[in-house]
């Protein structure tokens, strides 16, 4: 079973870098919509490799990406050259989420959500995280019929001069990316500072 799992991961990485199709999930999809399965994994889904593959694919498309920024309910937009877009998406690939580099810090739980028609692999800490690691949580959403990754959601926390910042990063496969930046206040409330959306597929 481990050999099958590892082989599937290799296929995901190769398809993410070379194919115009979405990547194939390496997990066995469950049919139970209510029970979550938590298993000690030897490796995780390689999120960073998947997103890098998406960036390569994006760079090959004959499209001009749109960048929108919303601050205080005011939205500005600008068309970007693809060479300008990739550096703006750097938060999605740092720190890296590889097959094995985070297995001592996080656990994987998977469940089938019929309301979303998605199998979700969710990753949460199993121990106190080092200060050098900004990751706090991430999810990988997989279409149970096609086996393709449809969305990746990542949560990071960063210490900046404004205070403790939470970043919510959403990558919609082959379509768009969204970065939501929140300020965590001392009273445990949050303030929305900025939303940035990067769109390269305008068919939805």
N, C-alpha and C. Protein backbone atom coordinates (compact mmCIF):
# COMPACT_ATOMS: atom_id res chain seq x y z
N UNK A 1 0.82 -1.20 0.00
CA UNK A 1 0.00 0.00 0.00
C UNK A 1 0.86 1.26 0.00
N UNK A 2 1.97 1.25 0.78
CA UNK A 2 2.85 2.40 0.83
C UNK A 2 3.48 2.65 -0.53
N UNK A 3 3.81 1.56 -1.27
CA UNK A 3 4.40 1.74 -2.58
C UNK A 3 3.41 2.40 -3.54
N UNK A 4 2.13 1.99 -3.44
CA UNK A 4 1.10 2.59 -4.29
C UNK A 4 0.94 4.07 -3.96
N UNK A 5 0.94 4.39 -2.69
CA UNK A 5 0.78 5.78 -2.23
C UNK A 5 1.93 6.63 -2.75
N UNK A 6 3.16 6.13 -2.64
CA UNK A 6 4.32 6.89 -3.06
C UNK A 6 4.31 7.10 -4.56
N UNK A 7 3.93 6.07 -5.31
CA UNK A 7 3.87 6.18 -6.76
C UNK A 7 2.84 7.22 -7.17
N UNK A 8 1.72 7.25 -6.44
CA UNK A 8 0.68 8.22 -6.77
C UNK A 8 1.16 9.64 -6.56
N UNK A 9 1.95 9.86 -5.52
CA UNK A 9 2.49 11.19 -5.26
C UNK A 9 3.39 11.64 -6.41
N UNK A 10 4.23 10.74 -6.92
CA UNK A 10 5.10 11.08 -8.03
C UNK A 10 4.27 11.50 -9.24
N UNK A 11 3.17 10.77 -9.49
CA UNK A 11 2.29 11.11 -10.60
C UNK A 11 1.72 12.51 -10.42
N UNK A 12 1.31 12.84 -9.18
CA UNK A 12 0.76 14.17 -8.90
C UNK A 12 1.75 15.25 -9.25
N UNK A 13 3.01 15.09 -8.82
CA UNK A 13 4.03 16.12 -9.05
C UNK A 13 4.28 16.29 -10.54
N UNK A 14 4.42 15.16 -11.26
CA UNK A 14 4.69 15.23 -12.68
C UNK A 14 3.54 15.87 -13.43
N UNK A 15 2.30 15.50 -13.08
CA UNK A 15 1.16 16.07 -13.77
C UNK A 15 1.03 17.55 -13.44
N UNK A 16 1.33 17.93 -12.19
CA UNK A 16 1.23 19.34 -11.82
C UNK A 16 2.19 20.20 -12.60
N UNK A 17 3.36 19.63 -12.99
CA UNK A 17 4.38 20.41 -13.67
C UNK A 17 4.25 20.37 -15.18
N UNK A 18 3.61 19.35 -15.74
CA UNK A 18 3.67 19.17 -17.19
C UNK A 18 2.32 19.13 -17.86
N UNK A 19 1.24 18.91 -17.13
CA UNK A 19 -0.05 18.68 -17.77
C UNK A 19 -0.95 19.88 -17.64
N UNK A 20 -1.89 20.00 -18.57
CA UNK A 20 -2.90 21.05 -18.48
C UNK A 20 -4.10 20.58 -17.69
N UNK A 21 -4.04 19.38 -17.12
CA UNK A 21 -5.11 18.88 -16.29
C UNK A 21 -4.78 19.12 -14.84
N UNK A 22 -5.79 19.03 -13.98
CA UNK A 22 -5.53 19.14 -12.56
C UNK A 22 -4.81 17.90 -12.07
N UNK A 23 -4.15 18.03 -10.91
CA UNK A 23 -3.39 16.90 -10.38
C UNK A 23 -4.32 15.86 -9.80
N UNK A 24 -3.86 14.63 -9.77
CA UNK A 24 -4.64 13.53 -9.22
C UNK A 24 -4.29 13.33 -7.76
N UNK A 25 -5.31 13.15 -6.94
CA UNK A 25 -5.07 12.97 -5.52
C UNK A 25 -4.40 11.64 -5.22
N UNK A 26 -3.49 11.57 -4.24
CA UNK A 26 -2.83 10.32 -3.91
C UNK A 26 -3.54 9.51 -2.84
N UNK A 27 -4.74 9.93 -2.41
CA UNK A 27 -5.39 9.22 -1.31
C UNK A 27 -6.49 8.32 -1.83
N UNK A 28 -6.78 7.28 -1.05
CA UNK A 28 -7.94 6.44 -1.34
C UNK A 28 -9.17 7.16 -0.83
N UNK A 29 -10.14 7.42 -1.70
CA UNK A 29 -11.30 8.22 -1.33
C UNK A 29 -12.28 7.39 -0.52
N UNK A 30 -12.80 8.00 0.55
CA UNK A 30 -13.75 7.32 1.43
C UNK A 30 -15.18 7.57 0.96
N UNK A 31 -16.07 6.65 1.27
CA UNK A 31 -17.47 6.80 0.93
C UNK A 31 -18.30 7.30 2.11
N UNK A 32 -17.76 7.24 3.31
CA UNK A 32 -18.49 7.66 4.51
C UNK A 32 -18.46 9.17 4.61
N UNK A 33 -19.62 9.81 4.65
CA UNK A 33 -19.68 11.27 4.67
C UNK A 33 -19.63 11.84 6.07
N UNK A 34 -19.64 11.00 7.10
CA UNK A 34 -19.70 11.53 8.46
C UNK A 34 -18.45 11.21 9.27
N UNK A 35 -17.81 10.09 9.02
CA UNK A 35 -16.68 9.68 9.83
C UNK A 35 -15.37 10.18 9.23
N UNK A 36 -14.58 10.85 10.04
CA UNK A 36 -13.25 11.28 9.61
C UNK A 36 -12.24 10.21 9.98
N UNK A 37 -11.24 10.05 9.13
CA UNK A 37 -10.21 9.05 9.37
C UNK A 37 -8.89 9.74 9.62
N UNK A 38 -8.31 9.47 10.78
CA UNK A 38 -7.01 10.04 11.14
C UNK A 38 -5.99 8.92 11.17
N UNK A 39 -4.98 9.02 10.33
CA UNK A 39 -3.99 7.96 10.20
C UNK A 39 -2.60 8.57 10.28
N UNK A 40 -1.70 7.90 10.98
CA UNK A 40 -0.31 8.34 11.01
C UNK A 40 0.30 8.07 9.64
N UNK A 41 0.70 9.15 8.96
CA UNK A 41 1.16 9.04 7.59
C UNK A 41 2.68 9.05 7.53
N UNK A 42 3.21 8.28 6.57
CA UNK A 42 4.63 8.34 6.27
C UNK A 42 4.95 9.52 5.37
N UNK A 43 3.94 10.05 4.69
CA UNK A 43 4.13 11.21 3.82
C UNK A 43 2.79 11.90 3.60
N UNK A 44 2.87 13.21 3.27
CA UNK A 44 1.70 14.02 3.03
C UNK A 44 1.59 14.36 1.54
N UNK A 45 0.45 14.92 1.17
CA UNK A 45 0.30 15.42 -0.19
C UNK A 45 1.27 16.59 -0.39
N UNK A 46 2.04 16.58 -1.48
CA UNK A 46 3.07 17.62 -1.70
C UNK A 46 2.47 18.92 -2.23
N UNK A 47 1.93 19.72 -1.33
CA UNK A 47 1.21 20.93 -1.71
C UNK A 47 2.10 21.88 -2.51
N UNK A 48 3.31 22.10 -2.06
CA UNK A 48 4.18 23.07 -2.73
C UNK A 48 4.50 22.64 -4.16
N UNK A 49 4.76 21.37 -4.37
CA UNK A 49 5.02 20.88 -5.73
C UNK A 49 3.80 21.06 -6.61
N UNK A 50 2.62 20.82 -6.04
CA UNK A 50 1.38 21.00 -6.80
C UNK A 50 1.22 22.45 -7.24
N UNK A 51 1.42 23.40 -6.32
CA UNK A 51 1.24 24.81 -6.65
C UNK A 51 2.31 25.28 -7.62
N UNK A 52 3.53 24.81 -7.47
CA UNK A 52 4.58 25.17 -8.43
C UNK A 52 4.21 24.67 -9.83
N UNK A 53 3.63 23.47 -9.88
CA UNK A 53 3.16 22.96 -11.16
C UNK A 53 2.08 23.84 -11.77
N UNK A 54 1.17 24.33 -10.91
CA UNK A 54 0.13 25.24 -11.36
C UNK A 54 0.73 26.55 -11.90
N UNK A 55 1.79 27.02 -11.26
CA UNK A 55 2.44 28.25 -11.72
C UNK A 55 3.07 28.06 -13.09
N UNK A 56 3.67 26.90 -13.30
CA UNK A 56 4.26 26.61 -14.61
C UNK A 56 3.16 26.57 -15.67
N UNK A 57 2.06 25.92 -15.35
CA UNK A 57 0.94 25.85 -16.28
C UNK A 57 0.40 27.24 -16.59
N UNK A 58 0.23 28.06 -15.54
CA UNK A 58 -0.26 29.41 -15.71
C UNK A 58 0.64 30.21 -16.66
N UNK A 59 1.94 30.03 -16.51
CA UNK A 59 2.88 30.76 -17.35
C UNK A 59 2.80 30.39 -18.81
N UNK A 60 2.23 29.22 -19.10
CA UNK A 60 2.13 28.77 -20.49
C UNK A 60 0.83 29.20 -21.16
N UNK A 61 -0.07 29.80 -20.41
CA UNK A 61 -1.39 30.14 -20.96
C UNK A 61 -1.37 31.51 -21.65
N UNK A 62 -2.11 31.66 -22.73
CA UNK A 62 -2.19 32.96 -23.43
C UNK A 62 -3.21 33.88 -22.77
N UNK A 63 -2.91 34.31 -21.56
CA UNK A 63 -3.86 35.11 -20.79
C UNK A 63 -3.11 36.17 -20.00
N UNK A 64 -3.77 37.30 -19.77
CA UNK A 64 -3.21 38.35 -18.92
C UNK A 64 -3.92 38.30 -17.57
N UNK A 65 -3.20 37.98 -16.48
CA UNK A 65 -3.83 37.85 -15.17
C UNK A 65 -4.33 39.21 -14.63
N UNK A 66 -5.38 39.13 -13.83
CA UNK A 66 -5.95 40.31 -13.19
C UNK A 66 -5.65 40.24 -11.69
N UNK A 67 -5.17 41.35 -11.14
CA UNK A 67 -4.87 41.46 -9.71
C UNK A 67 -5.82 42.48 -9.10
N UNK A 68 -6.64 42.04 -8.13
CA UNK A 68 -7.52 42.96 -7.42
C UNK A 68 -7.09 43.06 -5.96
N UNK A 69 -7.16 44.26 -5.40
CA UNK A 69 -6.81 44.51 -4.01
C UNK A 69 -7.97 45.23 -3.34
N UNK A 70 -8.47 44.67 -2.24
CA UNK A 70 -9.58 45.27 -1.50
C UNK A 70 -9.10 45.67 -0.10
N UNK A 71 -9.20 46.96 0.21
CA UNK A 71 -8.84 47.50 1.52
C UNK A 71 -9.96 48.46 1.95
N UNK A 72 -10.49 48.23 3.14
CA UNK A 72 -11.59 49.08 3.65
C UNK A 72 -12.75 49.16 2.66
N UNK A 73 -13.10 48.00 2.11
CA UNK A 73 -14.23 47.87 1.19
C UNK A 73 -14.03 48.61 -0.14
N UNK A 74 -12.83 49.06 -0.41
CA UNK A 74 -12.52 49.69 -1.69
C UNK A 74 -11.62 48.76 -2.49
N UNK A 75 -12.02 48.47 -3.73
CA UNK A 75 -11.29 47.52 -4.56
C UNK A 75 -10.65 48.22 -5.75
N UNK A 76 -9.36 47.99 -5.92
CA UNK A 76 -8.62 48.46 -7.09
C UNK A 76 -8.14 47.24 -7.87
N UNK A 77 -8.00 47.39 -9.16
CA UNK A 77 -7.57 46.26 -9.98
C UNK A 77 -6.55 46.72 -11.02
N UNK A 78 -5.70 45.78 -11.41
CA UNK A 78 -4.67 46.08 -12.41
C UNK A 78 -4.36 44.79 -13.16
N UNK A 79 -4.11 44.91 -14.46
CA UNK A 79 -3.69 43.77 -15.26
C UNK A 79 -2.19 43.58 -15.09
N UNK A 80 -1.76 42.35 -14.96
CA UNK A 80 -0.36 42.03 -14.69
C UNK A 80 0.27 41.26 -15.84
N UNK A 81 1.56 41.47 -16.01
CA UNK A 81 2.34 40.55 -16.82
C UNK A 81 2.56 39.29 -16.00
N UNK A 82 2.63 38.15 -16.67
CA UNK A 82 2.79 36.89 -15.93
C UNK A 82 4.08 36.87 -15.14
N UNK A 83 5.10 37.52 -15.63
CA UNK A 83 6.36 37.60 -14.89
C UNK A 83 6.22 38.38 -13.60
N UNK A 84 5.26 39.31 -13.56
CA UNK A 84 5.00 40.08 -12.35
C UNK A 84 4.16 39.31 -11.35
N UNK A 85 3.37 38.36 -11.84
CA UNK A 85 2.44 37.64 -10.98
C UNK A 85 3.13 36.65 -10.05
N UNK A 86 4.07 35.88 -10.58
CA UNK A 86 4.68 34.80 -9.81
C UNK A 86 5.27 35.28 -8.48
N UNK A 87 6.05 36.38 -8.44
CA UNK A 87 6.58 36.84 -7.14
C UNK A 87 5.49 37.21 -6.14
N UNK A 88 4.33 37.66 -6.63
CA UNK A 88 3.24 38.03 -5.74
C UNK A 88 2.56 36.82 -5.11
N UNK A 89 2.83 35.64 -5.67
CA UNK A 89 2.25 34.40 -5.14
C UNK A 89 3.24 33.62 -4.28
N UNK A 90 4.35 34.25 -3.92
CA UNK A 90 5.40 33.54 -3.18
C UNK A 90 4.93 33.00 -1.83
N UNK A 91 3.92 33.64 -1.23
CA UNK A 91 3.43 33.19 0.07
C UNK A 91 2.83 31.78 0.00
N UNK A 92 2.42 31.35 -1.19
CA UNK A 92 1.82 30.02 -1.34
C UNK A 92 2.86 28.90 -1.32
N UNK A 93 4.12 29.23 -1.55
CA UNK A 93 5.15 28.18 -1.65
C UNK A 93 6.22 28.30 -0.56
N UNK A 94 5.97 29.16 0.41
CA UNK A 94 6.91 29.31 1.53
C UNK A 94 6.13 29.48 2.83
N UNK A 95 6.42 28.65 3.84
CA UNK A 95 7.36 27.53 3.84
C UNK A 95 6.84 26.37 2.99
N UNK A 96 7.77 25.51 2.60
CA UNK A 96 7.42 24.40 1.74
C UNK A 96 6.65 23.31 2.49
N UNK A 97 5.66 22.77 1.82
CA UNK A 97 4.92 21.61 2.32
C UNK A 97 5.27 20.44 1.40
N UNK A 98 6.21 19.63 1.85
CA UNK A 98 6.68 18.49 1.06
C UNK A 98 6.04 17.21 1.58
N UNK A 99 6.49 16.08 1.02
CA UNK A 99 5.92 14.80 1.43
C UNK A 99 6.23 14.46 2.88
N UNK A 100 7.44 14.78 3.34
CA UNK A 100 7.85 14.29 4.66
C UNK A 100 8.40 15.35 5.60
N UNK A 101 8.58 16.59 5.16
CA UNK A 101 9.28 17.56 6.02
C UNK A 101 8.47 18.03 7.22
N UNK A 102 7.15 17.76 7.24
CA UNK A 102 6.31 18.27 8.33
C UNK A 102 5.58 17.17 9.09
N UNK A 103 5.94 15.91 8.85
CA UNK A 103 5.19 14.81 9.48
C UNK A 103 5.37 14.77 10.99
N UNK A 104 6.43 15.38 11.52
CA UNK A 104 6.63 15.41 12.97
C UNK A 104 5.84 16.53 13.65
N UNK A 105 5.27 17.43 12.86
CA UNK A 105 4.57 18.58 13.41
C UNK A 105 3.06 18.55 13.16
N UNK A 106 2.62 17.83 12.13
CA UNK A 106 1.21 17.86 11.75
C UNK A 106 0.67 16.44 11.56
N UNK A 107 -0.64 16.32 11.67
CA UNK A 107 -1.34 15.07 11.39
C UNK A 107 -2.32 15.30 10.25
N UNK A 108 -2.64 14.25 9.53
CA UNK A 108 -3.62 14.33 8.44
C UNK A 108 -4.91 13.64 8.84
N UNK A 109 -6.02 14.32 8.63
CA UNK A 109 -7.35 13.73 8.80
C UNK A 109 -8.10 13.89 7.50
N UNK A 110 -8.75 12.84 7.03
CA UNK A 110 -9.49 12.93 5.77
C UNK A 110 -10.94 12.54 5.98
N UNK A 111 -11.83 13.21 5.26
CA UNK A 111 -13.25 12.90 5.34
C UNK A 111 -13.93 13.29 4.03
N UNK A 112 -15.04 12.65 3.76
CA UNK A 112 -15.81 12.90 2.54
C UNK A 112 -17.00 13.78 2.89
N UNK A 113 -17.02 14.98 2.36
CA UNK A 113 -18.11 15.93 2.61
C UNK A 113 -19.03 15.92 1.39
N UNK A 114 -20.16 15.26 1.51
CA UNK A 114 -21.08 15.15 0.38
C UNK A 114 -21.72 16.49 0.04
N UNK A 115 -21.84 17.39 1.01
CA UNK A 115 -22.44 18.69 0.74
C UNK A 115 -21.57 19.52 -0.20
N UNK A 116 -20.25 19.31 -0.13
CA UNK A 116 -19.32 20.02 -1.00
C UNK A 116 -18.87 19.15 -2.17
N UNK A 117 -19.33 17.89 -2.20
CA UNK A 117 -18.86 16.92 -3.19
C UNK A 117 -17.33 16.92 -3.22
N UNK A 118 -16.75 16.75 -2.05
CA UNK A 118 -15.30 16.86 -1.93
C UNK A 118 -14.78 15.95 -0.83
N UNK A 119 -13.66 15.31 -1.10
CA UNK A 119 -12.91 14.65 -0.05
C UNK A 119 -11.86 15.65 0.44
N UNK A 120 -11.84 15.90 1.74
CA UNK A 120 -10.95 16.89 2.31
C UNK A 120 -9.87 16.21 3.13
N UNK A 121 -8.62 16.53 2.81
CA UNK A 121 -7.49 16.15 3.65
C UNK A 121 -7.10 17.38 4.45
N UNK A 122 -7.23 17.31 5.75
CA UNK A 122 -6.97 18.46 6.61
C UNK A 122 -5.77 18.17 7.51
N UNK A 123 -4.94 19.18 7.73
CA UNK A 123 -3.68 19.01 8.43
C UNK A 123 -3.62 19.98 9.61
N UNK A 124 -3.42 19.43 10.82
CA UNK A 124 -3.37 20.23 12.05
C UNK A 124 -2.16 19.84 12.87
N UNK A 125 -1.68 20.75 13.73
CA UNK A 125 -0.49 20.46 14.53
C UNK A 125 -0.73 19.32 15.52
N UNK A 126 0.33 18.56 15.77
CA UNK A 126 0.31 17.52 16.79
C UNK A 126 1.23 17.87 17.95
N UNK A 127 1.92 18.99 17.85
CA UNK A 127 2.85 19.41 18.88
C UNK A 127 3.01 20.92 18.83
N UNK A 128 3.73 21.48 19.77
CA UNK A 128 4.02 22.91 19.76
C UNK A 128 4.92 23.21 18.56
N UNK A 129 4.53 24.17 17.76
CA UNK A 129 5.27 24.48 16.55
C UNK A 129 6.42 25.44 16.85
N UNK A 130 7.55 25.27 16.19
CA UNK A 130 8.67 26.20 16.41
C UNK A 130 8.35 27.59 15.89
N UNK A 131 8.97 28.60 16.48
CA UNK A 131 8.71 29.98 16.08
C UNK A 131 9.07 30.23 14.62
N UNK A 132 9.98 29.45 14.10
CA UNK A 132 10.43 29.62 12.72
C UNK A 132 9.42 29.12 11.69
N UNK A 133 8.38 28.41 12.15
CA UNK A 133 7.40 27.83 11.24
C UNK A 133 6.11 28.64 11.29
N UNK A 134 5.76 29.27 10.18
CA UNK A 134 4.57 30.12 10.13
C UNK A 134 3.29 29.34 9.85
N UNK A 135 3.39 28.14 9.32
CA UNK A 135 2.21 27.33 9.01
C UNK A 135 1.43 26.99 10.28
N UNK A 136 0.09 27.05 10.18
CA UNK A 136 -0.76 26.67 11.29
C UNK A 136 -1.78 25.60 10.91
N UNK A 137 -2.13 25.54 9.63
CA UNK A 137 -3.17 24.60 9.19
C UNK A 137 -3.22 24.63 7.67
N UNK A 138 -3.61 23.50 7.06
CA UNK A 138 -3.93 23.54 5.63
C UNK A 138 -4.88 22.41 5.27
N UNK A 139 -5.62 22.62 4.17
CA UNK A 139 -6.58 21.65 3.65
C UNK A 139 -6.33 21.43 2.17
N UNK A 140 -6.58 20.20 1.72
CA UNK A 140 -6.55 19.87 0.30
C UNK A 140 -7.90 19.27 -0.05
N UNK A 141 -8.58 19.88 -1.02
CA UNK A 141 -9.92 19.44 -1.42
C UNK A 141 -9.83 18.67 -2.73
N UNK A 142 -10.41 17.46 -2.74
CA UNK A 142 -10.29 16.57 -3.88
C UNK A 142 -11.67 16.18 -4.38
N UNK A 143 -11.87 16.25 -5.69
CA UNK A 143 -13.13 15.79 -6.28
C UNK A 143 -13.18 14.26 -6.21
N UNK A 144 -14.17 13.67 -5.53
CA UNK A 144 -14.18 12.21 -5.35
C UNK A 144 -14.45 11.45 -6.64
N UNK A 145 -15.00 12.10 -7.64
CA UNK A 145 -15.30 11.42 -8.90
C UNK A 145 -14.10 11.42 -9.84
N UNK A 146 -13.46 12.57 -9.99
CA UNK A 146 -12.32 12.67 -10.91
C UNK A 146 -10.99 12.37 -10.24
N UNK A 147 -10.94 12.52 -8.88
CA UNK A 147 -9.67 12.35 -8.18
C UNK A 147 -8.75 13.54 -8.33
N UNK A 148 -9.25 14.65 -8.85
CA UNK A 148 -8.43 15.84 -9.06
C UNK A 148 -8.47 16.79 -7.86
N UNK A 149 -7.35 17.43 -7.57
CA UNK A 149 -7.30 18.45 -6.54
C UNK A 149 -8.01 19.70 -7.06
N UNK A 150 -9.02 20.15 -6.33
CA UNK A 150 -9.81 21.30 -6.77
C UNK A 150 -9.42 22.59 -6.05
N UNK A 151 -8.93 22.46 -4.82
CA UNK A 151 -8.61 23.66 -4.05
C UNK A 151 -7.63 23.32 -2.95
N UNK A 152 -6.78 24.29 -2.62
CA UNK A 152 -5.87 24.19 -1.47
C UNK A 152 -6.08 25.42 -0.61
N UNK A 153 -6.17 25.21 0.71
CA UNK A 153 -6.37 26.31 1.66
C UNK A 153 -5.28 26.22 2.73
N UNK A 154 -4.57 27.32 2.95
CA UNK A 154 -3.44 27.35 3.88
C UNK A 154 -3.62 28.51 4.86
N UNK A 155 -3.32 28.27 6.13
CA UNK A 155 -3.35 29.32 7.16
C UNK A 155 -1.95 29.48 7.74
N UNK A 156 -1.49 30.73 7.77
CA UNK A 156 -0.18 31.03 8.35
C UNK A 156 -0.34 32.17 9.35
N UNK A 157 0.58 32.21 10.32
CA UNK A 157 0.64 33.32 11.26
C UNK A 157 2.04 33.92 11.24
N UNK A 158 2.08 35.24 11.17
CA UNK A 158 3.34 35.97 11.05
C UNK A 158 3.40 37.09 12.07
N UNK A 159 4.56 37.28 12.66
CA UNK A 159 4.75 38.41 13.57
C UNK A 159 5.35 39.57 12.79
N UNK A 160 4.57 40.66 12.71
CA UNK A 160 5.02 41.85 12.01
C UNK A 160 4.87 43.06 12.91
N UNK A 161 5.30 44.22 12.41
CA UNK A 161 5.28 45.42 13.25
C UNK A 161 3.85 45.81 13.65
N UNK A 162 2.87 45.44 12.82
CA UNK A 162 1.48 45.75 13.15
C UNK A 162 0.95 44.87 14.27
N UNK A 163 1.60 43.73 14.49
CA UNK A 163 1.15 42.76 15.48
C UNK A 163 1.16 41.37 14.88
N UNK A 164 0.35 40.47 15.44
CA UNK A 164 0.27 39.10 14.93
C UNK A 164 -0.68 39.07 13.74
N UNK A 165 -0.16 38.64 12.61
CA UNK A 165 -0.90 38.64 11.35
C UNK A 165 -1.27 37.21 10.96
N UNK A 166 -2.51 37.00 10.57
CA UNK A 166 -2.95 35.72 10.02
C UNK A 166 -3.16 35.88 8.52
N UNK A 167 -2.58 34.97 7.77
CA UNK A 167 -2.80 34.91 6.33
C UNK A 167 -3.62 33.68 5.99
N UNK A 168 -4.69 33.88 5.25
CA UNK A 168 -5.50 32.78 4.73
C UNK A 168 -5.30 32.74 3.22
N UNK A 169 -4.71 31.65 2.75
CA UNK A 169 -4.34 31.54 1.35
C UNK A 169 -5.18 30.45 0.69
N UNK A 170 -5.90 30.82 -0.36
CA UNK A 170 -6.75 29.87 -1.07
C UNK A 170 -6.31 29.79 -2.53
N UNK A 171 -6.06 28.55 -3.00
CA UNK A 171 -5.67 28.34 -4.40
C UNK A 171 -6.74 27.49 -5.06
N UNK A 172 -7.47 28.08 -6.01
CA UNK A 172 -8.48 27.38 -6.78
C UNK A 172 -7.83 26.87 -8.06
N UNK A 173 -7.77 25.56 -8.20
CA UNK A 173 -7.01 24.93 -9.27
C UNK A 173 -7.42 25.47 -10.64
N UNK A 174 -6.39 25.92 -11.38
CA UNK A 174 -6.54 26.38 -12.77
C UNK A 174 -7.39 27.64 -12.91
N UNK A 175 -7.66 28.35 -11.80
CA UNK A 175 -8.58 29.49 -11.89
C UNK A 175 -8.05 30.76 -11.22
N UNK A 176 -7.84 30.73 -9.91
CA UNK A 176 -7.47 31.94 -9.19
C UNK A 176 -6.80 31.62 -7.86
N UNK A 177 -6.21 32.66 -7.26
CA UNK A 177 -5.62 32.55 -5.93
C UNK A 177 -6.06 33.76 -5.11
N UNK A 178 -6.27 33.54 -3.82
CA UNK A 178 -6.76 34.59 -2.93
C UNK A 178 -5.90 34.62 -1.66
N UNK A 179 -5.46 35.83 -1.29
CA UNK A 179 -4.71 36.02 -0.04
C UNK A 179 -5.50 36.99 0.83
N UNK A 180 -5.96 36.50 1.98
CA UNK A 180 -6.69 37.33 2.95
C UNK A 180 -5.79 37.57 4.15
N UNK A 181 -5.57 38.84 4.47
CA UNK A 181 -4.67 39.21 5.57
C UNK A 181 -5.47 39.80 6.72
N UNK A 182 -5.31 39.22 7.91
CA UNK A 182 -6.06 39.62 9.10
C UNK A 182 -5.11 40.03 10.21
N UNK A 183 -5.49 41.04 10.97
CA UNK A 183 -4.76 41.45 12.16
C UNK A 183 -5.45 40.86 13.38
N UNK A 184 -4.69 40.11 14.20
CA UNK A 184 -5.22 39.54 15.43
C UNK A 184 -5.05 40.54 16.57
N UNK A 185 -6.17 40.98 17.13
CA UNK A 185 -6.14 42.00 18.18
C UNK A 185 -6.00 41.36 19.56
N UNK A 186 -5.55 42.15 20.55
CA UNK A 186 -5.38 41.60 21.91
C UNK A 186 -6.65 41.04 22.53
N UNK A 187 -7.83 41.52 22.09
CA UNK A 187 -9.10 41.04 22.65
C UNK A 187 -9.61 39.80 21.92
N UNK A 188 -8.73 39.16 21.14
CA UNK A 188 -9.05 37.93 20.40
C UNK A 188 -9.95 38.15 19.19
N UNK A 189 -10.25 39.39 18.87
CA UNK A 189 -10.97 39.67 17.64
C UNK A 189 -9.97 39.84 16.49
N UNK A 190 -10.48 39.89 15.27
CA UNK A 190 -9.62 40.07 14.11
C UNK A 190 -10.12 41.23 13.26
N UNK A 191 -9.20 41.86 12.56
CA UNK A 191 -9.53 42.96 11.66
C UNK A 191 -9.03 42.60 10.27
N UNK A 192 -9.92 42.70 9.29
CA UNK A 192 -9.54 42.44 7.91
C UNK A 192 -8.70 43.60 7.40
N UNK A 193 -7.47 43.32 7.06
CA UNK A 193 -6.58 44.36 6.55
C UNK A 193 -6.62 44.47 5.03
N UNK A 194 -6.61 43.30 4.37
CA UNK A 194 -6.50 43.34 2.91
C UNK A 194 -6.90 42.01 2.31
N UNK A 195 -7.50 42.07 1.13
CA UNK A 195 -7.76 40.88 0.32
C UNK A 195 -7.16 41.10 -1.07
N UNK A 196 -6.37 40.15 -1.49
CA UNK A 196 -5.78 40.21 -2.82
C UNK A 196 -6.22 38.98 -3.60
N UNK A 197 -6.72 39.19 -4.80
CA UNK A 197 -7.13 38.07 -5.64
C UNK A 197 -6.40 38.16 -6.98
N UNK A 198 -5.94 37.00 -7.43
CA UNK A 198 -5.20 36.91 -8.68
C UNK A 198 -5.98 35.94 -9.58
N UNK A 199 -6.46 36.43 -10.71
CA UNK A 199 -7.34 35.64 -11.58
C UNK A 199 -6.67 35.43 -12.93
N UNK A 200 -6.62 34.17 -13.37
CA UNK A 200 -6.07 33.89 -14.71
C UNK A 200 -7.02 33.02 -15.55
N UNK A 201 -8.17 32.69 -14.99
CA UNK A 201 -9.20 31.98 -15.72
C UNK A 201 -10.51 32.72 -15.50
N UNK A 202 -11.10 33.26 -16.56
CA UNK A 202 -12.26 34.12 -16.44
C UNK A 202 -13.54 33.44 -16.90
N UNK A 203 -13.54 32.12 -16.84
CA UNK A 203 -14.70 31.33 -17.30
C UNK A 203 -15.68 31.00 -16.20
N UNK A 204 -15.44 31.50 -14.97
CA UNK A 204 -16.42 31.24 -13.90
C UNK A 204 -16.89 32.53 -13.27
